[in-house]
Amino acid sequence: DIACLQELKSVDSAFPVAELEAAGYGAIWQGQASWNGVAILARDSESTFKIATSASFEEHLARQFGPEFDNAIANGDVHVVFAGQQQLNNGRITAAEIELIWNHPAYGELSGSKLFGLATESGNLDKVSLYLCEQASHYVGEINTIWPGFSISMKMSVEFISGEGLKSWIASCMKATHFKTNNIIFNLINVHAHRNDPVLQWSIRNVQNHGFKVGIGNFGITNSDIDLIKMFNPDELFLSKSFSAELLGSTSNQMYASAALRIASATNTKTIAQGMDDRPVLAELKEQGCDRAQGKIVASPLTYDDFIAYLTDKRDKKTG
C-alpha cells in the first residue's frame, strides 16, 4: 500500500507521476539529476506536490493552498484553540485569544505565524484571515450567552486590515445581534514595520469606528514603542515576553517598562502580558498595574468544548 523509494536519479520533470497515478498510486517526491532523490508512493491517494526547489514549492502554494484550506475546513481538519486571559486584579478569565491549527498532511501542524506566512506567500492571506474572523464572531457570540462581556482577540496582520478583505465581514458584523463588536480585538502583529504608513493609521481608526478594539502586538520589542501609543491610540497593548521580563532586569529597563505601563494606564489602554511562564515576572506585572496575562501559567490552549469546561470549573470553584 505504501512504498518509499530512494536513489531516484531522476529530475522532477522526469518523475513518472502520470504513470504511477494510472497504476493507482499517488506520490510525493524530490528528484535529483544524478544522485539521491526520494519519493513516497501511496495506493489510492492523490499526488500532492513535489518538494524540489523553492520555485516548485511556491508554485504549489499558489496553486494548491487555497483549495486545500477549503477542503480542510470541510473535513474538520482546521481547529480553533482558545488561550485564556486572566484578569490580574481578580483572577477571572474574561478574554481569550483564538488561533487556527491546521493538521496538514504534508506540512504537519500549521498554526500562528507559520500558517499565516504560508497564506501570505500563496496569496491566501484574506482567505485565512477572514475564516479566523468568522470564527471569532461565532464563538464570541456563543460565549457571551454564558459569560456576558467576554472578549476574543486574534492575531492579525496589518496587510489584512488595510486591504479590501475585511469590509464584507465588518458589514455582516454590523447586522449581528448575538454579540457586540467591542468584544472582538484585533492584535496587530506587525505594526512596527508599518508604523509610518498613513494608510495603517486610517485603517485602525476605521476598525475602531465600527466598534471593534485594536491592539498592538509584540509591544516593547524596541525602546521607541511608547510612541506607538500616541501614534495609533490603541485600545490594548499585547506585551512581548521580553518587555515583561525587563521589569526584573536592569534599572534602566525597569524604568522603561514601568513608564510604558503608566502611560498605558493614563490613556486607558489595557495591557496584556503574553507568553507568561514566569511567576515572579507575573507578580511584578500585577504590582505594576498590568491588566491581563496569557500563557502557560494561566492556561494552555484548549479546544472550544474544553475551554468552556475550564471556564465552568473555575466559576464553580469560585462560587463553591
C-alpha atoms as a PDB file:
ATOM      1  CA  ASP A   1       0.000   0.000   0.000  1.00  0.00           C
ATOM      2  CA  ILE A   2       2.896   2.370   0.712  1.00  0.00           C
ATOM      3  CA  ALA A   3       6.321   2.345  -0.914  1.00  0.00           C
ATOM      4  CA  CYS A   4       9.325   4.512  -0.033  1.00  0.00           C
ATOM      5  CA  LEU A   5      11.910   4.972  -2.775  1.00  0.00           C
ATOM      6  CA  GLN A   6      15.445   6.299  -2.708  1.00  0.00           C
ATOM      7  CA  GLU A   7      18.188   6.865  -5.268  1.00  0.00           C
ATOM      8  CA  LEU A   8      15.694   8.086  -7.880  1.00  0.00           C
ATOM      9  CA  LYS A   9      18.438   9.579 -10.085  1.00  0.00           C
ATOM     10  CA  SER A  10      15.714  11.498 -11.886  1.00  0.00           C
ATOM     11  CA  VAL A  11      14.935  15.192 -12.187  1.00  0.00           C
ATOM     12  CA  ASP A  12      11.464  16.281 -11.074  1.00  0.00           C
ATOM     13  CA  SER A  13      10.157  16.762 -14.591  1.00  0.00           C
ATOM     14  CA  ALA A  14      11.088  13.169 -15.499  1.00  0.00           C
ATOM     15  CA  PHE A  15       9.447  11.593 -12.475  1.00  0.00           C
ATOM     16  CA  PRO A  16       6.699   9.255 -13.799  1.00  0.00           C
ATOM     17  CA  VAL A  17       3.845  10.712 -11.780  1.00  0.00           C
ATOM     18  CA  ALA A  18       1.255  10.158 -14.533  1.00  0.00           C
ATOM     19  CA  GLU A  19       2.181   6.502 -14.907  1.00  0.00           C
ATOM     20  CA  LEU A  20       2.084   5.962 -11.163  1.00  0.00           C
ATOM     21  CA  GLU A  21      -1.332   7.612 -10.885  1.00  0.00           C
ATOM     22  CA  ALA A  22      -2.574   5.400 -13.724  1.00  0.00           C
ATOM     23  CA  ALA A  23      -1.428   2.413 -11.680  1.00  0.00           C
ATOM     24  CA  GLY A  24      -3.392   3.671  -8.673  1.00  0.00           C
ATOM     25  CA  TYR A  25      -0.654   5.410  -6.673  1.00  0.00           C
ATOM     26  CA  GLY A  26      -0.252   8.989  -5.544  1.00  0.00           C
ATOM     27  CA  ALA A  27       3.222  10.333  -4.926  1.00  0.00           C
ATOM     28  CA  ILE A  28       5.294  12.959  -3.193  1.00  0.00           C
ATOM     29  CA  TRP A  29       8.874  13.277  -4.447  1.00  0.00           C
ATOM     30  CA  GLN A  30      12.102  15.200  -4.592  1.00  0.00           C
ATOM     31  CA  GLY A  31      14.342  14.407  -7.514  1.00  0.00           C
ATOM     32  CA  GLN A  32      17.981  14.947  -8.380  1.00  0.00           C
ATOM     33  CA  ALA A  33      19.635  14.500 -11.752  1.00  0.00           C
ATOM     34  CA  SER A  34      22.433  12.054 -10.914  1.00  0.00           C
ATOM     35  CA  TRP A  35      22.391  11.293  -7.222  1.00  0.00           C
ATOM     36  CA  ASN A  36      19.928  10.629  -4.448  1.00  0.00           C
ATOM     37  CA  GLY A  37      16.301  11.658  -4.880  1.00  0.00           C
ATOM     38  CA  VAL A  38      13.446  10.230  -2.808  1.00  0.00           C
ATOM     39  CA  ALA A  39       9.740   9.513  -3.179  1.00  0.00           C
ATOM     40  CA  ILE A  40       6.826   8.123  -1.206  1.00  0.00           C
ATOM     41  CA  LEU A  41       4.038   6.293  -3.066  1.00  0.00           C
ATOM     42  CA  ALA A  42       0.631   5.519  -1.567  1.00  0.00           C
ATOM     43  CA  ARG A  43      -2.132   3.461  -3.112  1.00  0.00           C
ATOM     44  CA  ASP A  44      -5.473   5.206  -3.782  1.00  0.00           C
ATOM     45  CA  SER A  45      -4.177   8.658  -2.889  1.00  0.00           C
ATOM     46  CA  GLU A  46      -3.601  11.841  -4.845  1.00  0.00           C
ATOM     47  CA  SER A  47      -0.217  13.267  -5.749  1.00  0.00           C
ATOM     48  CA  THR A  48       0.033  16.434  -3.728  1.00  0.00           C
ATOM     49  CA  PHE A  49       3.232  18.209  -4.712  1.00  0.00           C
ATOM     50  CA  LYS A  50       6.916  17.752  -5.414  1.00  0.00           C
ATOM     51  CA  ILE A  51       9.403  19.168  -2.946  1.00  0.00           C
ATOM     52  CA  ALA A  52      12.324  20.083  -5.145  1.00  0.00           C
ATOM     53  CA  THR A  53      13.156  23.784  -5.197  1.00  0.00           C
ATOM     54  CA  SER A  54      11.803  26.936  -3.656  1.00  0.00           C
ATOM     55  CA  ALA A  55      10.307  27.730  -7.067  1.00  0.00           C
ATOM     56  CA  SER A  56       8.332  24.471  -7.206  1.00  0.00           C
ATOM     57  CA  PHE A  57       7.259  24.962  -3.584  1.00  0.00           C
ATOM     58  CA  GLU A  58       5.954  28.461  -4.284  1.00  0.00           C
ATOM     59  CA  GLU A  59       4.248  27.191  -7.430  1.00  0.00           C
ATOM     60  CA  HIS A  60       2.469  24.567  -5.363  1.00  0.00           C
ATOM     61  CA  LEU A  61       1.437  27.120  -2.769  1.00  0.00           C
ATOM     62  CA  ALA A  62      -0.072  29.430  -5.352  1.00  0.00           C
ATOM     63  CA  ARG A  63      -1.967  26.586  -6.993  1.00  0.00           C
ATOM     64  CA  GLN A  64      -2.997  24.339  -4.112  1.00  0.00           C
ATOM     65  CA  PHE A  65      -3.009  26.159  -0.767  1.00  0.00           C
ATOM     66  CA  GLY A  66      -6.413  27.802  -1.174  1.00  0.00           C
ATOM     67  CA  PRO A  67      -8.316  24.669  -2.324  1.00  0.00           C
ATOM     68  CA  GLU A  68      -6.531  22.551   0.294  1.00  0.00           C
ATOM     69  CA  PHE A  69      -7.529  25.011   3.024  1.00  0.00           C
ATOM     70  CA  ASP A  70     -11.169  24.929   1.874  1.00  0.00           C
ATOM     71  CA  ASN A  71     -11.134  21.126   1.853  1.00  0.00           C
ATOM     72  CA  ALA A  72      -9.523  21.012   5.282  1.00  0.00           C
ATOM     73  CA  ILE A  73     -12.299  23.203   6.698  1.00  0.00           C
ATOM     74  CA  ALA A  74     -14.945  20.994   5.112  1.00  0.00           C
ATOM     75  CA  ASN A  75     -13.255  17.873   6.503  1.00  0.00           C
ATOM     76  CA  GLY A  76     -12.851  19.279  10.000  1.00  0.00           C
ATOM     77  CA  ASP A  77      -9.049  19.423   9.823  1.00  0.00           C
ATOM     78  CA  VAL A  78      -8.823  23.103  10.819  1.00  0.00           C
ATOM     79  CA  HIS A  79      -9.394  23.661  14.519  1.00  0.00           C
ATOM     80  CA  VAL A  80      -9.766  26.706  16.728  1.00  0.00           C
ATOM     81  CA  VAL A  81      -7.994  26.794  20.086  1.00  0.00           C
ATOM     82  CA  PHE A  82      -8.532  29.240  22.940  1.00  0.00           C
ATOM     83  CA  ALA A  83      -5.799  30.662  25.183  1.00  0.00           C
ATOM     84  CA  GLY A  84      -7.445  32.151  28.245  1.00  0.00           C
ATOM     85  CA  GLN A  85      -6.508  35.612  29.508  1.00  0.00           C
ATOM     86  CA  GLN A  86      -6.695  36.175  33.254  1.00  0.00           C
ATOM     87  CA  GLN A  87      -7.551  39.452  34.961  1.00  0.00           C
ATOM     88  CA  LEU A  88      -4.644  40.082  37.299  1.00  0.00           C
ATOM     89  CA  ASN A  89      -6.719  42.039  39.807  1.00  0.00           C
ATOM     90  CA  ASN A  90      -9.265  39.289  40.488  1.00  0.00           C
ATOM     91  CA  GLY A  91      -8.078  36.087  38.808  1.00  0.00           C
ATOM     92  CA  ARG A  92     -11.054  35.800  36.453  1.00  0.00           C
ATOM     93  CA  ILE A  93     -10.764  34.629  32.840  1.00  0.00           C
ATOM     94  CA  THR A  94     -12.525  37.406  30.952  1.00  0.00           C
ATOM     95  CA  ALA A  95     -10.998  37.035  27.496  1.00  0.00           C
ATOM     96  CA  ALA A  96      -9.196  34.585  25.244  1.00  0.00           C
ATOM     97  CA  GLU A  97      -7.015  34.692  22.178  1.00  0.00           C
ATOM     98  CA  ILE A  98      -8.048  32.292  19.438  1.00  0.00           C
ATOM     99  CA  GLU A  99      -5.755  30.636  16.931  1.00  0.00           C
ATOM    100  CA  LEU A 100      -6.223  28.316  13.965  1.00  0.00           C
ATOM    101  CA  ILE A 101      -4.471  24.953  13.855  1.00  0.00           C
ATOM    102  CA  TRP A 102      -4.441  23.014  10.595  1.00  0.00           C
ATOM    103  CA  ASN A 103      -3.166  19.450  10.636  1.00  0.00           C
ATOM    104  CA  HIS A 104      -1.812  19.446   7.090  1.00  0.00           C
ATOM    105  CA  PRO A 105      -0.978  16.016   5.623  1.00  0.00           C
ATOM    106  CA  ALA A 106       2.277  17.233   4.085  1.00  0.00           C
ATOM    107  CA  TYR A 107       3.409  20.239   6.140  1.00  0.00           C
ATOM    108  CA  GLY A 108       2.364  18.899   9.542  1.00  0.00           C
ATOM    109  CA  GLU A 109       0.753  21.185  12.113  1.00  0.00           C
ATOM    110  CA  LEU A 110       0.304  24.711  10.776  1.00  0.00           C
ATOM    111  CA  SER A 111      -0.610  27.464  13.211  1.00  0.00           C
ATOM    112  CA  GLY A 112       0.195  31.032  14.107  1.00  0.00           C
ATOM    113  CA  SER A 113       2.908  32.757  12.110  1.00  0.00           C
ATOM    114  CA  LYS A 114       3.678  29.598  10.112  1.00  0.00           C
ATOM    115  CA  LEU A 115       0.106  29.287   8.842  1.00  0.00           C
ATOM    116  CA  PHE A 116      -0.219  32.982   8.068  1.00  0.00           C
ATOM    117  CA  GLY A 117       3.215  33.033   6.467  1.00  0.00           C
ATOM    118  CA  LEU A 118       2.212  30.308   4.020  1.00  0.00           C
ATOM    119  CA  ALA A 119      -1.127  32.024   3.429  1.00  0.00           C
ATOM    120  CA  THR A 120       0.666  35.273   2.592  1.00  0.00           C
ATOM    121  CA  GLU A 121       3.175  33.583   0.282  1.00  0.00           C
ATOM    122  CA  SER A 122       0.401  31.809  -1.607  1.00  0.00           C
ATOM    123  CA  GLY A 123      -1.856  34.860  -1.952  1.00  0.00           C
ATOM    124  CA  ASN A 124      -4.409  33.487   0.516  1.00  0.00           C
ATOM    125  CA  LEU A 125      -3.973  35.893   3.416  1.00  0.00           C
ATOM    126  CA  ASP A 126      -7.531  37.217   3.078  1.00  0.00           C
ATOM    127  CA  LYS A 127      -8.997  33.699   2.955  1.00  0.00           C
ATOM    128  CA  VAL A 128      -7.314  32.529   6.160  1.00  0.00           C
ATOM    129  CA  SER A 129      -7.803  35.859   7.967  1.00  0.00           C
ATOM    130  CA  LEU A 130     -11.492  36.007   7.100  1.00  0.00           C
ATOM    131  CA  TYR A 131     -12.010  32.468   8.334  1.00  0.00           C
ATOM    132  CA  LEU A 132     -10.383  33.419  11.641  1.00  0.00           C
ATOM    133  CA  CYS A 133     -12.634  36.496  11.834  1.00  0.00           C
ATOM    134  CA  GLU A 134     -15.705  34.353  11.182  1.00  0.00           C
ATOM    135  CA  GLN A 135     -14.697  32.000  13.967  1.00  0.00           C
ATOM    136  CA  ALA A 136     -14.161  34.945  16.312  1.00  0.00           C
ATOM    137  CA  SER A 137     -17.634  36.389  15.680  1.00  0.00           C
ATOM    138  CA  HIS A 138     -19.238  32.947  16.002  1.00  0.00           C
ATOM    139  CA  TYR A 139     -17.578  31.966  19.263  1.00  0.00           C
ATOM    140  CA  VAL A 140     -17.729  35.350  20.938  1.00  0.00           C
ATOM    141  CA  GLY A 141     -21.494  35.233  20.400  1.00  0.00           C
ATOM    142  CA  GLU A 142     -21.757  31.762  21.906  1.00  0.00           C
ATOM    143  CA  ILE A 143     -19.591  32.534  24.922  1.00  0.00           C
ATOM    144  CA  ASN A 144     -21.417  35.808  25.624  1.00  0.00           C
ATOM    145  CA  THR A 145     -24.687  33.924  26.083  1.00  0.00           C
ATOM    146  CA  ILE A 146     -22.988  32.305  29.095  1.00  0.00           C
ATOM    147  CA  TRP A 147     -20.495  34.976  30.196  1.00  0.00           C
ATOM    148  CA  PRO A 148     -21.643  38.437  29.076  1.00  0.00           C
ATOM    149  CA  GLY A 149     -18.798  40.801  28.267  1.00  0.00           C
ATOM    150  CA  PHE A 150     -16.325  38.058  27.366  1.00  0.00           C
ATOM    151  CA  SER A 151     -13.837  39.196  24.699  1.00  0.00           C
ATOM    152  CA  ILE A 152     -11.934  37.340  21.999  1.00  0.00           C
ATOM    153  CA  SER A 153      -8.696  38.591  20.473  1.00  0.00           C
ATOM    154  CA  MET A 154      -6.955  37.298  17.369  1.00  0.00           C
ATOM    155  CA  LYS A 155      -3.542  37.945  15.894  1.00  0.00           C
ATOM    156  CA  MET A 156      -3.916  39.724  12.578  1.00  0.00           C
ATOM    157  CA  SER A 157      -1.580  41.215  10.008  1.00  0.00           C
ATOM    158  CA  VAL A 158      -1.558  44.890   9.130  1.00  0.00           C
ATOM    159  CA  GLU A 159      -1.908  43.989   5.440  1.00  0.00           C
ATOM    160  CA  PHE A 160      -5.292  42.379   6.065  1.00  0.00           C
ATOM    161  CA  ILE A 161      -6.932  45.217   7.971  1.00  0.00           C
ATOM    162  CA  SER A 162      -5.555  47.696   5.433  1.00  0.00           C
ATOM    163  CA  GLY A 163      -6.942  45.725   2.475  1.00  0.00           C
ATOM    164  CA  GLU A 164     -10.350  45.086   0.983  1.00  0.00           C
ATOM    165  CA  GLY A 165     -10.892  41.655   2.520  1.00  0.00           C
ATOM    166  CA  LEU A 166     -12.166  42.925   5.868  1.00  0.00           C
ATOM    167  CA  LYS A 167     -15.043  45.040   4.562  1.00  0.00           C
ATOM    168  CA  SER A 168     -17.607  42.296   3.929  1.00  0.00           C
ATOM    169  CA  TRP A 169     -17.041  40.724   7.334  1.00  0.00           C
ATOM    170  CA  ILE A 170     -17.410  44.077   9.096  1.00  0.00           C
ATOM    171  CA  ALA A 171     -20.662  44.650   7.189  1.00  0.00           C
ATOM    172  CA  SER A 172     -22.017  41.294   8.389  1.00  0.00           C
ATOM    173  CA  CYS A 173     -20.990  42.084  11.972  1.00  0.00           C
ATOM    174  CA  MET A 174     -22.906  45.355  11.837  1.00  0.00           C
ATOM    175  CA  LYS A 175     -26.074  43.302  11.314  1.00  0.00           C
ATOM    176  CA  ALA A 176     -25.322  40.795  14.073  1.00  0.00           C
ATOM    177  CA  THR A 177     -27.398  40.824  17.242  1.00  0.00           C
ATOM    178  CA  HIS A 178     -25.749  37.987  19.186  1.00  0.00           C
ATOM    179  CA  PHE A 179     -22.587  39.887  20.171  1.00  0.00           C
ATOM    180  CA  LYS A 180     -21.130  43.375  20.484  1.00  0.00           C
ATOM    181  CA  THR A 181     -18.304  44.388  18.186  1.00  0.00           C
ATOM    182  CA  ASN A 182     -16.296  45.726  21.121  1.00  0.00           C
ATOM    183  CA  ASN A 183     -15.928  42.125  22.324  1.00  0.00           C
ATOM    184  CA  ILE A 184     -13.589  41.424  19.374  1.00  0.00           C
ATOM    185  CA  ILE A 185      -9.982  42.617  19.474  1.00  0.00           C
ATOM    186  CA  PHE A 186      -7.518  42.728  16.581  1.00  0.00           C
ATOM    187  CA  ASN A 187      -3.998  42.022  17.852  1.00  0.00           C
ATOM    188  CA  LEU A 188      -1.879  43.561  15.074  1.00  0.00           C
ATOM    189  CA  ILE A 189       1.384  41.667  14.962  1.00  0.00           C
ATOM    190  CA  ASN A 190       3.477  43.702  12.505  1.00  0.00           C
ATOM    191  CA  VAL A 191       2.748  47.345  13.299  1.00  0.00           C
ATOM    192  CA  HIS A 192       6.426  48.128  13.760  1.00  0.00           C
ATOM    193  CA  ALA A 193       7.245  47.599  10.091  1.00  0.00           C
ATOM    194  CA  HIS A 194       4.384  49.902   9.007  1.00  0.00           C
ATOM    195  CA  ARG A 195       4.423  52.485  11.782  1.00  0.00           C
ATOM    196  CA  ASN A 196       4.889  55.421   9.368  1.00  0.00           C
ATOM    197  CA  ASP A 197       2.228  54.269   6.917  1.00  0.00           C
ATOM    198  CA  PRO A 198      -0.705  56.754   6.906  1.00  0.00           C
ATOM    199  CA  VAL A 199      -2.953  54.028   5.462  1.00  0.00           C
ATOM    200  CA  LEU A 200      -2.421  51.967   8.610  1.00  0.00           C
ATOM    201  CA  GLN A 201      -3.448  54.852  10.846  1.00  0.00           C
ATOM    202  CA  TRP A 202      -6.633  55.294   8.817  1.00  0.00           C
ATOM    203  CA  SER A 203      -7.327  51.531   8.843  1.00  0.00           C
ATOM    204  CA  ILE A 204      -7.013  51.314  12.616  1.00  0.00           C
ATOM    205  CA  ARG A 205      -9.371  54.251  13.088  1.00  0.00           C
ATOM    206  CA  ASN A 206     -11.825  52.699  10.635  1.00  0.00           C
ATOM    207  CA  VAL A 207     -11.910  49.408  12.542  1.00  0.00           C
ATOM    208  CA  GLN A 208     -12.319  51.256  15.838  1.00  0.00           C
ATOM    209  CA  ASN A 209     -15.093  53.433  14.400  1.00  0.00           C
ATOM    210  CA  HIS A 210     -17.058  50.245  13.724  1.00  0.00           C
ATOM    211  CA  GLY A 211     -16.840  49.355  17.393  1.00  0.00           C
ATOM    212  CA  PHE A 212     -14.019  46.796  17.306  1.00  0.00           C
ATOM    213  CA  LYS A 213     -10.964  47.093  19.501  1.00  0.00           C
ATOM    214  CA  VAL A 214      -7.421  47.229  18.150  1.00  0.00           C
ATOM    215  CA  GLY A 215      -4.302  46.156  19.994  1.00  0.00           C
ATOM    216  CA  ILE A 216      -0.627  46.477  19.146  1.00  0.00           C
ATOM    217  CA  GLY A 217       1.116  43.109  19.281  1.00  0.00           C
ATOM    218  CA  ASN A 218       4.709  42.416  20.336  1.00  0.00           C
ATOM    219  CA  PHE A 219       4.740  45.700  22.220  1.00  0.00           C
ATOM    220  CA  GLY A 220       8.058  46.585  23.814  1.00  0.00           C
ATOM    221  CA  ILE A 221      10.490  44.945  21.396  1.00  0.00           C
ATOM    222  CA  THR A 222      12.077  48.377  20.854  1.00  0.00           C
ATOM    223  CA  ASN A 223      12.507  51.327  23.214  1.00  0.00           C
ATOM    224  CA  SER A 224      10.586  53.560  20.816  1.00  0.00           C
ATOM    225  CA  ASP A 225       7.375  51.537  21.157  1.00  0.00           C
ATOM    226  CA  ILE A 226       5.965  54.033  23.652  1.00  0.00           C
ATOM    227  CA  ASP A 227       5.493  56.343  20.667  1.00  0.00           C
ATOM    228  CA  LEU A 228       3.044  53.814  19.166  1.00  0.00           C
ATOM    229  CA  ILE A 229       0.513  54.624  21.886  1.00  0.00           C
ATOM    230  CA  LYS A 230       0.369  58.249  20.744  1.00  0.00           C
ATOM    231  CA  MET A 231       0.546  57.402  17.019  1.00  0.00           C
ATOM    232  CA  PHE A 232      -2.272  54.837  16.904  1.00  0.00           C
ATOM    233  CA  ASN A 233      -4.306  55.323  20.077  1.00  0.00           C
ATOM    234  CA  PRO A 234      -4.764  51.546  20.521  1.00  0.00           C
ATOM    235  CA  ASP A 235      -7.313  50.009  22.839  1.00  0.00           C
ATOM    236  CA  GLU A 236      -4.888  47.364  24.068  1.00  0.00           C
ATOM    237  CA  LEU A 237      -1.179  46.585  24.168  1.00  0.00           C
ATOM    238  CA  PHE A 238      -0.088  42.966  23.871  1.00  0.00           C
ATOM    239  CA  LEU A 239       3.192  42.986  25.755  1.00  0.00           C
ATOM    240  CA  SER A 240       6.056  40.951  24.354  1.00  0.00           C
ATOM    241  CA  LYS A 241       7.674  38.401  26.620  1.00  0.00           C
ATOM    242  CA  SER A 242      10.952  40.327  26.506  1.00  0.00           C
ATOM    243  CA  PHE A 243       9.187  43.527  27.602  1.00  0.00           C
ATOM    244  CA  SER A 244       7.650  41.796  30.635  1.00  0.00           C
ATOM    245  CA  ALA A 245      11.000  40.285  31.618  1.00  0.00           C
ATOM    246  CA  GLU A 246      12.520  43.781  31.696  1.00  0.00           C
ATOM    247  CA  LEU A 247      10.546  44.509  34.851  1.00  0.00           C
ATOM    248  CA  LEU A 248      13.056  42.285  36.656  1.00  0.00           C
ATOM    249  CA  GLY A 249      16.034  43.402  34.556  1.00  0.00           C
ATOM    250  CA  SER A 250      18.432  46.303  34.827  1.00  0.00           C
ATOM    251  CA  THR A 251      17.369  49.566  36.441  1.00  0.00           C
ATOM    252  CA  SER A 252      17.065  51.357  33.088  1.00  0.00           C
ATOM    253  CA  ASN A 253      14.951  48.556  31.625  1.00  0.00           C
ATOM    254  CA  GLN A 254      12.712  48.572  34.686  1.00  0.00           C
ATOM    255  CA  MET A 255      12.206  52.321  34.333  1.00  0.00           C
ATOM    256  CA  TYR A 256      11.264  51.986  30.658  1.00  0.00           C
ATOM    257  CA  ALA A 257       8.813  49.137  31.249  1.00  0.00           C
ATOM    258  CA  SER A 258       7.239  50.866  34.248  1.00  0.00           C
ATOM    259  CA  ALA A 259       6.869  54.116  32.287  1.00  0.00           C
ATOM    260  CA  ALA A 260       5.144  52.316  29.416  1.00  0.00           C
ATOM    261  CA  LEU A 261       2.663  50.665  31.792  1.00  0.00           C
ATOM    262  CA  ARG A 262       1.931  54.005  33.496  1.00  0.00           C
ATOM    263  CA  ILE A 263       1.324  55.717  30.145  1.00  0.00           C
ATOM    264  CA  ALA A 264      -0.988  52.880  29.090  1.00  0.00           C
ATOM    265  CA  SER A 265      -2.948  53.212  32.317  1.00  0.00           C
ATOM    266  CA  ALA A 266      -3.187  57.007  31.965  1.00  0.00           C
ATOM    267  CA  THR A 267      -4.539  56.666  28.412  1.00  0.00           C
ATOM    268  CA  ASN A 268      -6.985  53.902  29.394  1.00  0.00           C
ATOM    269  CA  THR A 269      -5.118  51.422  27.208  1.00  0.00           C
ATOM    270  CA  LYS A 270      -5.433  47.864  28.507  1.00  0.00           C
ATOM    271  CA  THR A 271      -2.239  45.806  28.796  1.00  0.00           C
ATOM    272  CA  ILE A 272      -1.975  42.052  28.240  1.00  0.00           C
ATOM    273  CA  ALA A 273       1.200  40.136  29.039  1.00  0.00           C
ATOM    274  CA  GLN A 274       1.648  37.284  26.588  1.00  0.00           C
ATOM    275  CA  GLY A 275       3.722  34.113  26.857  1.00  0.00           C
ATOM    276  CA  MET A 276       3.705  34.144  30.658  1.00  0.00           C
ATOM    277  CA  ASP A 277       5.656  31.244  32.145  1.00  0.00           C
ATOM    278  CA  ASP A 278       7.457  33.059  34.960  1.00  0.00           C
ATOM    279  CA  ARG A 279       5.598  33.671  38.218  1.00  0.00           C
ATOM    280  CA  PRO A 280       7.961  36.352  39.623  1.00  0.00           C
ATOM    281  CA  VAL A 281       7.539  38.334  36.389  1.00  0.00           C
ATOM    282  CA  LEU A 282       3.771  37.862  36.575  1.00  0.00           C
ATOM    283  CA  ALA A 283       3.731  39.083  40.187  1.00  0.00           C
ATOM    284  CA  GLU A 284       5.678  42.204  39.174  1.00  0.00           C
ATOM    285  CA  LEU A 285       3.317  42.837  36.254  1.00  0.00           C
ATOM    286  CA  LYS A 286       0.397  42.700  38.663  1.00  0.00           C
ATOM    287  CA  GLU A 287       2.161  45.115  41.011  1.00  0.00           C
ATOM    288  CA  GLN A 288       2.804  47.490  38.106  1.00  0.00           C
ATOM    289  CA  GLY A 289      -0.871  47.517  37.072  1.00  0.00           C
ATOM    290  CA  CYS A 290      -0.891  45.183  34.051  1.00  0.00           C
ATOM    291  CA  ASP A 291      -4.488  44.224  33.282  1.00  0.00           C
ATOM    292  CA  ARG A 292      -4.416  40.656  31.922  1.00  0.00           C
ATOM    293  CA  ALA A 293      -1.985  37.799  31.345  1.00  0.00           C
ATOM    294  CA  GLN A 294      -1.912  34.887  28.944  1.00  0.00           C
ATOM    295  CA  GLY A 295       0.439  31.906  28.856  1.00  0.00           C
ATOM    296  CA  LYS A 296       1.263  28.521  30.302  1.00  0.00           C
ATOM    297  CA  ILE A 297       0.845  29.570  33.923  1.00  0.00           C
ATOM    298  CA  VAL A 298      -2.648  30.862  33.120  1.00  0.00           C
ATOM    299  CA  ALA A 299      -3.997  28.179  30.783  1.00  0.00           C
ATOM    300  CA  SER A 300      -2.787  26.057  27.897  1.00  0.00           C
ATOM    301  CA  PRO A 301      -4.584  26.480  24.542  1.00  0.00           C
ATOM    302  CA  LEU A 302      -7.803  24.443  24.548  1.00  0.00           C
ATOM    303  CA  THR A 303     -10.482  23.429  22.073  1.00  0.00           C
ATOM    304  CA  TYR A 304     -13.825  25.179  22.475  1.00  0.00           C
ATOM    305  CA  ASP A 305     -15.519  22.409  24.477  1.00  0.00           C
ATOM    306  CA  ASP A 306     -12.521  22.012  26.764  1.00  0.00           C
ATOM    307  CA  PHE A 307     -12.257  25.775  27.190  1.00  0.00           C
ATOM    308  CA  ILE A 308     -15.919  26.077  28.217  1.00  0.00           C
ATOM    309  CA  ALA A 309     -15.414  23.208  30.675  1.00  0.00           C
ATOM    310  CA  TYR A 310     -12.350  25.021  32.045  1.00  0.00           C
ATOM    311  CA  LEU A 311     -14.293  28.279  32.482  1.00  0.00           C
ATOM    312  CA  THR A 312     -17.179  26.451  34.127  1.00  0.00           C
ATOM    313  CA  ASP A 313     -14.844  24.652  36.505  1.00  0.00           C
ATOM    314  CA  LYS A 314     -13.190  27.925  37.555  1.00  0.00           C
ATOM    315  CA  ARG A 315     -16.588  29.559  38.065  1.00  0.00           C
ATOM    316  CA  ASP A 316     -17.882  26.629  40.121  1.00  0.00           C
ATOM    317  CA  LYS A 317     -14.770  26.614  42.317  1.00  0.00           C
ATOM    318  CA  LYS A 318     -15.078  30.360  42.897  1.00  0.00           C
ATOM    319  CA  THR A 319     -18.779  30.226  43.768  1.00  0.00           C
ATOM    320  CA  GLY A 320     -18.374  26.997  45.731  1.00  0.00           C
END
